[in-house]
PDB file of N, CA and C in Angstrom:
ATOM      1  N   MET A   1     134.831  97.256 154.032  1.00  0.00           N
ATOM      2  CA  MET A   1     134.573  97.662 152.678  1.00  0.00           C
ATOM      3  C   MET A   1     133.622  96.694 152.009  1.00  0.00           C
ATOM      4  N   ASP A   2     132.941  97.273 151.023  1.00  0.00           N
ATOM      5  CA  ASP A   2     131.957  96.472 150.291  1.00  0.00           C
ATOM      6  C   ASP A   2     132.620  95.749 149.135  1.00  0.00           C
ATOM      7  N   ASP A   3     131.997  94.621 148.801  1.00  0.00           N
ATOM      8  CA  ASP A   3     132.488  93.876 147.639  1.00  0.00           C
ATOM      9  C   ASP A   3     131.868  94.374 146.334  1.00  0.00           C
ATOM     10  N   THR A   4     131.003  95.313 146.378  1.00  0.00           N
ATOM     11  CA  THR A   4     130.371  95.814 145.147  1.00  0.00           C
ATOM     12  C   THR A   4     131.309  96.779 144.450  1.00  0.00           C
ATOM     13  N   PRO A   5     131.463  96.588 143.165  1.00  0.00           N
ATOM     14  CA  PRO A   5     132.362  97.496 142.444  1.00  0.00           C
ATOM     15  C   PRO A   5     131.738  98.876 142.296  1.00  0.00           C
ATOM     16  N   THR A   6     132.574  99.865 142.283  1.00  0.00           N
ATOM     17  CA  THR A   6     132.081 101.222 142.098  1.00  0.00           C
ATOM     18  C   THR A   6     131.835 101.448 140.608  1.00  0.00           C
ATOM     19  N   PRO A   7     130.734 102.099 140.261  1.00  0.00           N
ATOM     20  CA  PRO A   7     130.456 102.330 138.842  1.00  0.00           C
ATOM     21  C   PRO A   7     131.475 103.263 138.214  1.00  0.00           C
ATOM     22  N   VAL A   8     131.932 102.863 137.043  1.00  0.00           N
ATOM     23  CA  VAL A   8     132.917 103.659 136.323  1.00  0.00           C
ATOM     24  C   VAL A   8     132.159 104.439 135.251  1.00  0.00           C
ATOM     25  N   PRO A   9     132.329 105.742 135.203  1.00  0.00           N
ATOM     26  CA  PRO A   9     131.619 106.505 134.173  1.00  0.00           C
ATOM     27  C   PRO A   9     132.134 106.107 132.781  1.00  0.00           C
ATOM     28  N   PRO A  10     131.204 106.003 131.786  1.00  0.00           N
ATOM     29  CA  PRO A  10     131.639 105.617 130.440  1.00  0.00           C
ATOM     30  C   PRO A  10     132.534 106.690 129.827  1.00  0.00           C
ATOM     31  N   ALA A  11     133.498 106.238 129.060  1.00  0.00           N
ATOM     32  CA  ALA A  11     134.432 107.167 128.417  1.00  0.00           C
ATOM     33  C   ALA A  11     133.705 107.867 127.273  1.00  0.00           C
ATOM     34  N   LYS A  12     134.030 109.125 127.085  1.00  0.00           N
ATOM     35  CA  LYS A  12     133.407 109.882 126.001  1.00  0.00           C
ATOM     36  C   LYS A  12     134.004 109.431 124.677  1.00  0.00           C
ATOM     37  N   PRO A  13     133.147 109.218 123.660  1.00  0.00           N
ATOM     38  CA  PRO A  13     133.704 108.840 122.362  1.00  0.00           C
ATOM     39  C   PRO A  13     134.456 110.007 121.742  1.00  0.00           C
ATOM     40  N   GLU A  14     135.412 109.673 120.899  1.00  0.00           N
ATOM     41  CA  GLU A  14     136.218 110.717 120.266  1.00  0.00           C
ATOM     42  C   GLU A  14     135.411 111.483 119.224  1.00  0.00           C
ATOM     43  N   LEU A  15     134.463 110.772 118.584  1.00  0.00           N
ATOM     44  CA  LEU A  15     133.688 111.388 117.518  1.00  0.00           C
ATOM     45  C   LEU A  15     132.215 111.362 117.917  1.00  0.00           C
ATOM     46  N   GLU A  16     131.585 112.505 117.936  1.00  0.00           N
ATOM     47  CA  GLU A  16     130.163 112.566 118.260  1.00  0.00           C
ATOM     48  C   GLU A  16     129.383 112.859 116.987  1.00  0.00           C
ATOM     49  N   ILE A  17     128.284 112.163 116.837  1.00  0.00           N
ATOM     50  CA  ILE A  17     127.411 112.371 115.667  1.00  0.00           C
ATOM     51  C   ILE A  17     126.284 113.285 116.106  1.00  0.00           C
ATOM     52  N   ALA A  18     126.129 114.382 115.393  1.00  0.00           N
ATOM     53  CA  ALA A  18     125.080 115.334 115.727  1.00  0.00           C
ATOM     54  C   ALA A  18     123.728 114.755 115.297  1.00  0.00           C
ATOM     55  N   PRO A  19     122.678 114.981 116.063  1.00  0.00           N
ATOM     56  CA  PRO A  19     121.359 114.485 115.673  1.00  0.00           C
ATOM     57  C   PRO A  19     120.867 115.209 114.420  1.00  0.00           C
ATOM     58  N   LEU A  20     120.041 114.511 113.636  1.00  0.00           N
ATOM     59  CA  LEU A  20     119.502 115.100 112.414  1.00  0.00           C
ATOM     60  C   LEU A  20     118.532 116.219 112.764  1.00  0.00           C
ATOM     61  N   PRO A  21     118.575 117.306 112.005  1.00  0.00           N
ATOM     62  CA  PRO A  21     117.610 118.384 112.261  1.00  0.00           C
ATOM     63  C   PRO A  21     116.209 117.901 111.860  1.00  0.00           C
ATOM     64  N   PRO A  22     115.171 118.427 112.460  1.00  0.00           N
ATOM     65  CA  PRO A  22     113.817 117.988 112.092  1.00  0.00           C
ATOM     66  C   PRO A  22     113.514 118.370 110.644  1.00  0.00           C
ATOM     67  N   ARG A  23     112.788 117.471 109.955  1.00  0.00           N
ATOM     68  CA  ARG A  23     112.460 117.723 108.550  1.00  0.00           C
ATOM     69  C   ARG A  23     111.386 118.797 108.430  1.00  0.00           C
ATOM     70  N   LYS A  24     111.483 119.564 107.376  1.00  0.00           N
ATOM     71  CA  LYS A  24     110.461 120.568 107.119  1.00  0.00           C
ATOM     72  C   LYS A  24     109.232 119.876 106.531  1.00  0.00           C
ATOM     73  N   LYS A  25     108.090 120.292 106.974  1.00  0.00           N
ATOM     74  CA  LYS A  25     106.862 119.714 106.447  1.00  0.00           C
ATOM     75  C   LYS A  25     106.550 120.374 105.114  1.00  0.00           C
ATOM     76  N   ARG A  26     106.248 119.536 104.134  1.00  0.00           N
ATOM     77  CA  ARG A  26     105.909 120.070 102.822  1.00  0.00           C
ATOM     78  C   ARG A  26     104.415 120.317 102.739  1.00  0.00           C
ATOM     79  N   ARG A  27     104.083 121.375 102.100  1.00  0.00           N
ATOM     80  CA  ARG A  27     102.674 121.641 101.871  1.00  0.00           C
ATOM     81  C   ARG A  27     102.210 120.812 100.687  1.00  0.00           C
ATOM     82  N   GLY A  28     101.008 120.326 100.740  1.00  0.00           N
ATOM     83  CA  GLY A  28     100.471 119.545  99.639  1.00  0.00           C
ATOM     84  C   GLY A  28     100.161 120.422  98.449  1.00  0.00           C
ATOM     85  N   ARG A  29     100.329 119.841  97.298  1.00  0.00           N
ATOM     86  CA  ARG A  29     100.002 120.588  96.087  1.00  0.00           C
ATOM     87  C   ARG A  29      98.492 120.675  95.928  1.00  0.00           C
ATOM     88  N   MET A  30      98.062 121.728  95.319  1.00  0.00           N
ATOM     89  CA  MET A  30      96.636 121.856  95.032  1.00  0.00           C
ATOM     90  C   MET A  30      96.324 120.917  93.863  1.00  0.00           C
ATOM     91  N   LYS A  31      95.362 120.072  94.056  1.00  0.00           N
ATOM     92  CA  LYS A  31      95.002 119.129  93.013  1.00  0.00           C
ATOM     93  C   LYS A  31      94.040 119.793  92.041  1.00  0.00           C
ATOM     94  N   ARG A  32      94.305 119.560  90.781  1.00  0.00           N
ATOM     95  CA  ARG A  32      93.417 120.099  89.752  1.00  0.00           C
ATOM     96  C   ARG A  32      92.177 119.228  89.662  1.00  0.00           C
ATOM     97  N   PRO A  33      91.047 119.833  89.447  1.00  0.00           N
ATOM     98  CA  PRO A  33      89.847 119.006  89.288  1.00  0.00           C
ATOM     99  C   PRO A  33      89.932 118.217  87.980  1.00  0.00           C
ATOM    100  N   LEU A  34      89.465 116.982  88.026  1.00  0.00           N
ATOM    101  CA  LEU A  34      89.508 116.136  86.841  1.00  0.00           C
ATOM    102  C   LEU A  34      88.513 116.619  85.808  1.00  0.00           C
ATOM    103  N   LYS A  35      88.967 116.631  84.573  1.00  0.00           N
ATOM    104  CA  LYS A  35      88.066 117.006  83.489  1.00  0.00           C
ATOM    105  C   LYS A  35      87.318 115.773  83.038  1.00  0.00           C
ATOM    106  N   LYS A  36      86.028 115.877  82.983  1.00  0.00           N
ATOM    107  CA  LYS A  36      85.235 114.756  82.517  1.00  0.00           C
ATOM    108  C   LYS A  36      85.271 114.751  80.992  1.00  0.00           C
ATOM    109  N   PRO A  37      85.514 113.583  80.402  1.00  0.00           N
ATOM    110  CA  PRO A  37      85.518 113.536  78.945  1.00  0.00           C
ATOM    111  C   PRO A  37      84.118 113.815  78.402  1.00  0.00           C
ATOM    112  N   ALA A  38      84.089 114.477  77.283  1.00  0.00           N
ATOM    113  CA  ALA A  38      82.806 114.801  76.666  1.00  0.00           C
ATOM    114  C   ALA A  38      82.116 113.523  76.201  1.00  0.00           C
ATOM    115  N   ARG A  39      80.844 113.433  76.474  1.00  0.00           N
ATOM    116  CA  ARG A  39      80.097 112.250  76.053  1.00  0.00           C
ATOM    117  C   ARG A  39      79.923 112.295  74.541  1.00  0.00           C
ATOM    118  N   VAL A  40      80.221 111.184  73.921  1.00  0.00           N
ATOM    119  CA  VAL A  40      80.063 111.080  72.482  1.00  0.00           C
ATOM    120  C   VAL A  40      78.619 110.694  72.207  1.00  0.00           C
ATOM    121  N   LYS A  41      78.008 111.397  71.279  1.00  0.00           N
ATOM    122  CA  LYS A  41      76.633 111.070  70.935  1.00  0.00           C
ATOM    123  C   LYS A  41      76.619 109.697  70.280  1.00  0.00           C
ATOM    124  N   ALA A  42      75.721 108.868  70.757  1.00  0.00           N
ATOM    125  CA  ALA A  42      75.681 107.481  70.299  1.00  0.00           C
ATOM    126  C   ALA A  42      75.204 107.402  68.857  1.00  0.00           C
ATOM    127  N   PRO A  43      75.986 106.731  68.000  1.00  0.00           N
ATOM    128  CA  PRO A  43      75.479 106.475  66.664  1.00  0.00           C
ATOM    129  C   PRO A  43      74.288 105.518  66.770  1.00  0.00           C
ATOM    130  N   PRO A  44      73.362 105.555  65.826  1.00  0.00           N
ATOM    131  CA  PRO A  44      72.163 104.717  65.943  1.00  0.00           C
ATOM    132  C   PRO A  44      72.479 103.228  66.063  1.00  0.00           C
ATOM    133  N   MET A  45      73.580 102.789  65.504  1.00  0.00           N
ATOM    134  CA  MET A  45      73.892 101.358  65.587  1.00  0.00           C
ATOM    135  C   MET A  45      74.310 100.956  66.996  1.00  0.00           C
ATOM    136  N   CYS A  46      74.765 101.913  67.817  1.00  0.00           N
ATOM    137  CA  CYS A  46      75.249 101.602  69.162  1.00  0.00           C
ATOM    138  C   CYS A  46      74.168 101.685  70.226  1.00  0.00           C
ATOM    139  N   ALA A  47      72.929 101.844  69.846  1.00  0.00           N
ATOM    140  CA  ALA A  47      71.855 101.970  70.828  1.00  0.00           C
ATOM    141  C   ALA A  47      71.797 100.707  71.691  1.00  0.00           C
ATOM    142  N   GLY A  48      71.895 100.886  72.988  1.00  0.00           N
ATOM    143  CA  GLY A  48      71.821  99.764  73.917  1.00  0.00           C
ATOM    144  C   GLY A  48      73.142  99.069  74.161  1.00  0.00           C
ATOM    145  N   MET A  49      74.218  99.480  73.510  1.00  0.00           N
ATOM    146  CA  MET A  49      75.513  98.817  73.674  1.00  0.00           C
ATOM    147  C   MET A  49      76.161  99.269  74.976  1.00  0.00           C
ATOM    148  N   THR A  50      76.676  98.311  75.743  1.00  0.00           N
ATOM    149  CA  THR A  50      77.426  98.604  76.956  1.00  0.00           C
ATOM    150  C   THR A  50      78.771  97.885  76.863  1.00  0.00           C
ATOM    151  N   ASN A  51      79.574  97.990  77.911  1.00  0.00           N
ATOM    152  CA  ASN A  51      80.870  97.316  77.899  1.00  0.00           C
ATOM    153  C   ASN A  51      80.717  95.801  77.895  1.00  0.00           C
ATOM    154  N   PHE A  52      79.569  95.302  78.356  1.00  0.00           N
ATOM    155  CA  PHE A  52      79.379  93.862  78.462  1.00  0.00           C
ATOM    156  C   PHE A  52      78.331  93.309  77.501  1.00  0.00           C
ATOM    157  N   ASN A  53      77.422  94.155  77.038  1.00  0.00           N
ATOM    158  CA  ASN A  53      76.318  93.681  76.195  1.00  0.00           C
ATOM    159  C   ASN A  53      76.398  94.257  74.799  1.00  0.00           C
ATOM    160  N   CYS A  54      75.878  93.482  73.853  1.00  0.00           N
ATOM    161  CA  CYS A  54      75.843  93.929  72.464  1.00  0.00           C
ATOM    162  C   CYS A  54      74.737  94.958  72.282  1.00  0.00           C
ATOM    163  N   ALA A  55      74.736  95.578  71.132  1.00  0.00           N
ATOM    164  CA  ALA A  55      73.731  96.584  70.817  1.00  0.00           C
ATOM    165  C   ALA A  55      72.366  95.923  70.644  1.00  0.00           C
ATOM    166  N   ASP A  56      71.312  96.754  70.666  1.00  0.00           N
ATOM    167  CA  ASP A  56      69.955  96.229  70.535  1.00  0.00           C
ATOM    168  C   ASP A  56      69.717  95.605  69.166  1.00  0.00           C
ATOM    169  N   GLY A  57      70.404  96.072  68.149  1.00  0.00           N
ATOM    170  CA  GLY A  57      70.181  95.572  66.800  1.00  0.00           C
ATOM    171  C   GLY A  57      70.908  94.268  66.483  1.00  0.00           C
ATOM    172  N   CYS A  58      71.720  93.774  67.401  1.00  0.00           N
ATOM    173  CA  CYS A  58      72.458  92.525  67.155  1.00  0.00           C
ATOM    174  C   CYS A  58      71.541  91.313  67.332  1.00  0.00           C
ATOM    175  N   THR A  59      71.714  90.346  66.456  1.00  0.00           N
ATOM    176  CA  THR A  59      71.007  89.071  66.550  1.00  0.00           C
ATOM    177  C   THR A  59      72.046  87.967  66.416  1.00  0.00           C
ATOM    178  N   PRO A  60      71.676  86.715  66.700  1.00  0.00           N
ATOM    179  CA  PRO A  60      72.653  85.638  66.530  1.00  0.00           C
ATOM    180  C   PRO A  60      73.122  85.456  65.083  1.00  0.00           C
ATOM    181  N   SER A  61      72.321  85.913  64.121  1.00  0.00           N
ATOM    182  CA  SER A  61      72.707  85.741  62.718  1.00  0.00           C
ATOM    183  C   SER A  61      73.364  86.979  62.124  1.00  0.00           C
ATOM    184  N   SER A  62      73.355  88.117  62.841  1.00  0.00           N
ATOM    185  CA  SER A  62      73.929  89.336  62.281  1.00  0.00           C
ATOM    186  C   SER A  62      74.337  90.298  63.397  1.00  0.00           C
ATOM    187  N   CYS A  63      75.521  90.844  63.259  1.00  0.00           N
ATOM    188  CA  CYS A  63      76.041  91.831  64.212  1.00  0.00           C
ATOM    189  C   CYS A  63      75.963  93.212  63.552  1.00  0.00           C
ATOM    190  N   VAL A  64      75.670  94.259  64.343  1.00  0.00           N
ATOM    191  CA  VAL A  64      75.559  95.600  63.755  1.00  0.00           C
ATOM    192  C   VAL A  64      76.914  96.148  63.339  1.00  0.00           C
ATOM    193  N   ILE A  65      77.991  95.616  63.873  1.00  0.00           N
ATOM    194  CA  ILE A  65      79.325  96.106  63.506  1.00  0.00           C
ATOM    195  C   ILE A  65      79.876  95.352  62.307  1.00  0.00           C
ATOM    196  N   SER A  66      79.819  94.023  62.347  1.00  0.00           N
ATOM    197  CA  SER A  66      80.421  93.237  61.271  1.00  0.00           C
ATOM    198  C   SER A  66      79.454  92.920  60.137  1.00  0.00           C
ATOM    199  N   HIS A  67      78.157  92.999  60.397  1.00  0.00           N
ATOM    200  CA  HIS A  67      77.119  92.603  59.428  1.00  0.00           C
ATOM    201  C   HIS A  67      77.290  91.147  59.009  1.00  0.00           C
ATOM    202  N   ARG A  68      77.830  90.346  59.895  1.00  0.00           N
ATOM    203  CA  ARG A  68      78.017  88.919  59.639  1.00  0.00           C
ATOM    204  C   ARG A  68      77.502  88.133  60.842  1.00  0.00           C
ATOM    205  N   GLY A  69      77.675  86.858  60.828  1.00  0.00           N
ATOM    206  CA  GLY A  69      77.131  85.985  61.853  1.00  0.00           C
ATOM    207  C   GLY A  69      78.021  85.818  63.070  1.00  0.00           C
ATOM    208  N   TYR A  70      78.939  86.706  63.329  1.00  0.00           N
ATOM    209  CA  TYR A  70      79.774  86.633  64.536  1.00  0.00           C
ATOM    210  C   TYR A  70      79.744  87.992  65.232  1.00  0.00           C
ATOM    211  N   CYS A  71      80.028  87.975  66.517  1.00  0.00           N
ATOM    212  CA  CYS A  71      80.004  89.204  67.321  1.00  0.00           C
ATOM    213  C   CYS A  71      81.326  89.955  67.155  1.00  0.00           C
ATOM    214  N   ALA A  72      81.244  91.225  66.795  1.00  0.00           N
ATOM    215  CA  ALA A  72      82.442  92.052  66.640  1.00  0.00           C
ATOM    216  C   ALA A  72      82.480  93.149  67.700  1.00  0.00           C
ATOM    217  N   HIS A  73      81.856  92.901  68.855  1.00  0.00           N
ATOM    218  CA  HIS A  73      81.869  93.863  69.967  1.00  0.00           C
ATOM    219  C   HIS A  73      83.323  94.176  70.323  1.00  0.00           C
ATOM    220  N   PRO A  74      83.670  95.454  70.505  1.00  0.00           N
ATOM    221  CA  PRO A  74      85.070  95.824  70.751  1.00  0.00           C
ATOM    222  C   PRO A  74      85.701  95.136  71.959  1.00  0.00           C
ATOM    223  N   TYR A  75      84.922  94.855  73.010  1.00  0.00           N
ATOM    224  CA  TYR A  75      85.497  94.261  74.210  1.00  0.00           C
ATOM    225  C   TYR A  75      85.255  92.765  74.295  1.00  0.00           C
ATOM    226  N   LYS A  76      84.628  92.186  73.309  1.00  0.00           N
ATOM    227  CA  LYS A  76      84.391  90.744  73.340  1.00  0.00           C
ATOM    228  C   LYS A  76      85.322  90.024  72.371  1.00  0.00           C
ATOM    229  N   GLY A  77      85.089  90.222  71.087  1.00  0.00           N
ATOM    230  CA  GLY A  77      85.903  89.475  70.140  1.00  0.00           C
ATOM    231  C   GLY A  77      86.617  90.343  69.123  1.00  0.00           C
ATOM    232  N   GLY A  78      86.037  91.468  68.776  1.00  0.00           N
ATOM    233  CA  GLY A  78      86.629  92.318  67.750  1.00  0.00           C
ATOM    234  C   GLY A  78      86.385  91.741  66.369  1.00  0.00           C
ATOM    235  N   LEU A  79      87.071  92.304  65.402  1.00  0.00           N
ATOM    236  CA  LEU A  79      86.894  91.858  64.016  1.00  0.00           C
ATOM    237  C   LEU A  79      87.693  90.598  63.729  1.00  0.00           C
ATOM    238  N   GLN A  80      87.111  89.738  62.934  1.00  0.00           N
ATOM    239  CA  GLN A  80      87.848  88.572  62.480  1.00  0.00           C
ATOM    240  C   GLN A  80      88.699  88.961  61.280  1.00  0.00           C
ATOM    241  N   ARG A  81      89.600  88.089  60.925  1.00  0.00           N
ATOM    242  CA  ARG A  81      90.547  88.362  59.854  1.00  0.00           C
ATOM    243  C   ARG A  81      89.843  88.722  58.538  1.00  0.00           C
ATOM    244  N   LEU A  82      88.701  88.128  58.300  1.00  0.00           N
ATOM    245  CA  LEU A  82      87.961  88.356  57.065  1.00  0.00           C
ATOM    246  C   LEU A  82      87.580  89.827  56.893  1.00  0.00           C
ATOM    247  N   ASP A  83      87.246  90.506  57.999  1.00  0.00           N
ATOM    248  CA  ASP A  83      86.757  91.883  57.925  1.00  0.00           C
ATOM    249  C   ASP A  83      87.801  92.931  58.303  1.00  0.00           C
ATOM    250  N   GLN A  84      89.023  92.538  58.543  1.00  0.00           N
ATOM    251  CA  GLN A  84      90.017  93.512  58.967  1.00  0.00           C
ATOM    252  C   GLN A  84      90.507  94.399  57.824  1.00  0.00           C
ATOM    253  N   ASN A  85      90.132  94.106  56.595  1.00  0.00           N
ATOM    254  CA  ASN A  85      90.470  94.977  55.463  1.00  0.00           C
ATOM    255  C   ASN A  85      89.263  95.735  54.944  1.00  0.00           C
ATOM    256  N   ASP A  86      88.102  95.511  55.541  1.00  0.00           N
ATOM    257  CA  ASP A  86      86.866  96.187  55.130  1.00  0.00           C
ATOM    258  C   ASP A  86      86.803  97.542  55.849  1.00  0.00           C
ATOM    259  N   LEU A  87      86.981  98.637  55.105  1.00  0.00           N
ATOM    260  CA  LEU A  87      87.067  99.966  55.713  1.00  0.00           C
ATOM    261  C   LEU A  87      85.770 100.380  56.402  1.00  0.00           C
ATOM    262  N   ALA A  88      84.633 100.019  55.825  1.00  0.00           N
ATOM    263  CA  ALA A  88      83.361 100.375  56.453  1.00  0.00           C
ATOM    264  C   ALA A  88      83.202  99.639  57.785  1.00  0.00           C
ATOM    265  N   CYS A  89      83.608  98.402  57.822  1.00  0.00           N
ATOM    266  CA  CYS A  89      83.526  97.602  59.050  1.00  0.00           C
ATOM    267  C   CYS A  89      84.471  98.151  60.114  1.00  0.00           C
ATOM    268  N   ILE A  90      85.656  98.546  59.712  1.00  0.00           N
ATOM    269  CA  ILE A  90      86.621  99.132  60.650  1.00  0.00           C
ATOM    270  C   ILE A  90      86.092 100.456  61.190  1.00  0.00           C
ATOM    271  N   ALA A  91      85.448 101.248  60.338  1.00  0.00           N
ATOM    272  CA  ALA A  91      84.882 102.524  60.784  1.00  0.00           C
ATOM    273  C   ALA A  91      83.772 102.291  61.807  1.00  0.00           C
ATOM    274  N   ARG A  92      82.922 101.290  61.597  1.00  0.00           N
ATOM    275  CA  ARG A  92      81.865 100.980  62.563  1.00  0.00           C
ATOM    276  C   ARG A  92      82.470 100.513  63.893  1.00  0.00           C
ATOM    277  N   LEU A  93      83.513  99.709  63.827  1.00  0.00           N
ATOM    278  CA  LEU A  93      84.172  99.248  65.045  1.00  0.00           C
ATOM    279  C   LEU A  93      84.792 100.414  65.807  1.00  0.00           C
ATOM    280  N   ASN A  94      85.441 101.328  65.109  1.00  0.00           N
ATOM    281  CA  ASN A  94      86.050 102.491  65.767  1.00  0.00           C
ATOM    282  C   ASN A  94      84.995 103.409  66.376  1.00  0.00           C
ATOM    283  N   ASP A  95      83.844 103.554  65.701  1.00  0.00           N
ATOM    284  CA  ASP A  95      82.749 104.342  66.275  1.00  0.00           C
ATOM    285  C   ASP A  95      82.258 103.708  67.574  1.00  0.00           C
ATOM    286  N   ALA A  96      82.163 102.390  67.580  1.00  0.00           N
ATOM    287  CA  ALA A  96      81.710 101.686  68.789  1.00  0.00           C
ATOM    288  C   ALA A  96      82.742 101.830  69.907  1.00  0.00           C
ATOM    289  N   LYS A  97      84.028 101.748  69.575  1.00  0.00           N
ATOM    290  CA  LYS A  97      85.084 101.920  70.586  1.00  0.00           C
ATOM    291  C   LYS A  97      85.034 103.320  71.183  1.00  0.00           C
ATOM    292  N   GLN A  98      84.833 104.315  70.337  1.00  0.00           N
ATOM    293  CA  GLN A  98      84.785 105.684  70.814  1.00  0.00           C
ATOM    294  C   GLN A  98      83.549 105.907  71.670  1.00  0.00           C
ATOM    295  N   PHE A  99      82.448 105.277  71.313  1.00  0.00           N
ATOM    296  CA  PHE A  99      81.222 105.407  72.107  1.00  0.00           C
ATOM    297  C   PHE A  99      81.400 104.777  73.489  1.00  0.00           C
ATOM    298  N   LEU A 100      82.032 103.602  73.548  1.00  0.00           N
ATOM    299  CA  LEU A 100      82.195 102.912  74.832  1.00  0.00           C
ATOM    300  C   LEU A 100      83.258 103.552  75.714  1.00  0.00           C
ATOM    301  N   GLY A 101      84.232 104.196  75.117  1.00  0.00           N
ATOM    302  CA  GLY A 101      85.284 104.849  75.889  1.00  0.00           C
ATOM    303  C   GLY A 101      86.359 103.866  76.293  1.00  0.00           C
ATOM    304  N   ALA A 102      87.187 104.290  77.252  1.00  0.00           N
ATOM    305  CA  ALA A 102      88.317 103.471  77.679  1.00  0.00           C
ATOM    306  C   ALA A 102      87.824 102.245  78.434  1.00  0.00           C
ATOM    307  N   ARG A 103      88.537 101.164  78.252  1.00  0.00           N
ATOM    308  CA  ARG A 103      88.186  99.908  78.925  1.00  0.00           C
ATOM    309  C   ARG A 103      88.495 100.025  80.414  1.00  0.00           C
ATOM    310  N   ARG A 104      87.544  99.628  81.239  1.00  0.00           N
ATOM    311  CA  ARG A 104      87.719  99.694  82.699  1.00  0.00           C
ATOM    312  C   ARG A 104      87.754  98.307  83.273  1.00  0.00           C
ATOM    313  N   GLY A 105      88.849  98.041  84.003  1.00  0.00           N
ATOM    314  CA  GLY A 105      88.970  96.794  84.753  1.00  0.00           C
ATOM    315  C   GLY A 105      88.873  95.629  83.948  1.00  0.00           C
TER     316      GLY A 105
END
């Protein structure tokens, strides 16, 4: 006789777990085309204004938005406390914000 043990078949477990059924594939939703926002016509004071540069009419001694010696560009400094109650100045700032659109990055 051989000294090698005979293989014993494994005992069946009392509880068997059924395999999960395959998942159903979902169809992708149809994507709606993005609506491009309407371009706002540039007010004359905003000529040449970009997200990074001031308007063409700005000089170191006068800004087209604040009409003072500081830059009131919406994405640079905004209005100083002195002009935050001036309705005409606030209206010019809001026009510039609307012209530039949403801030990116």
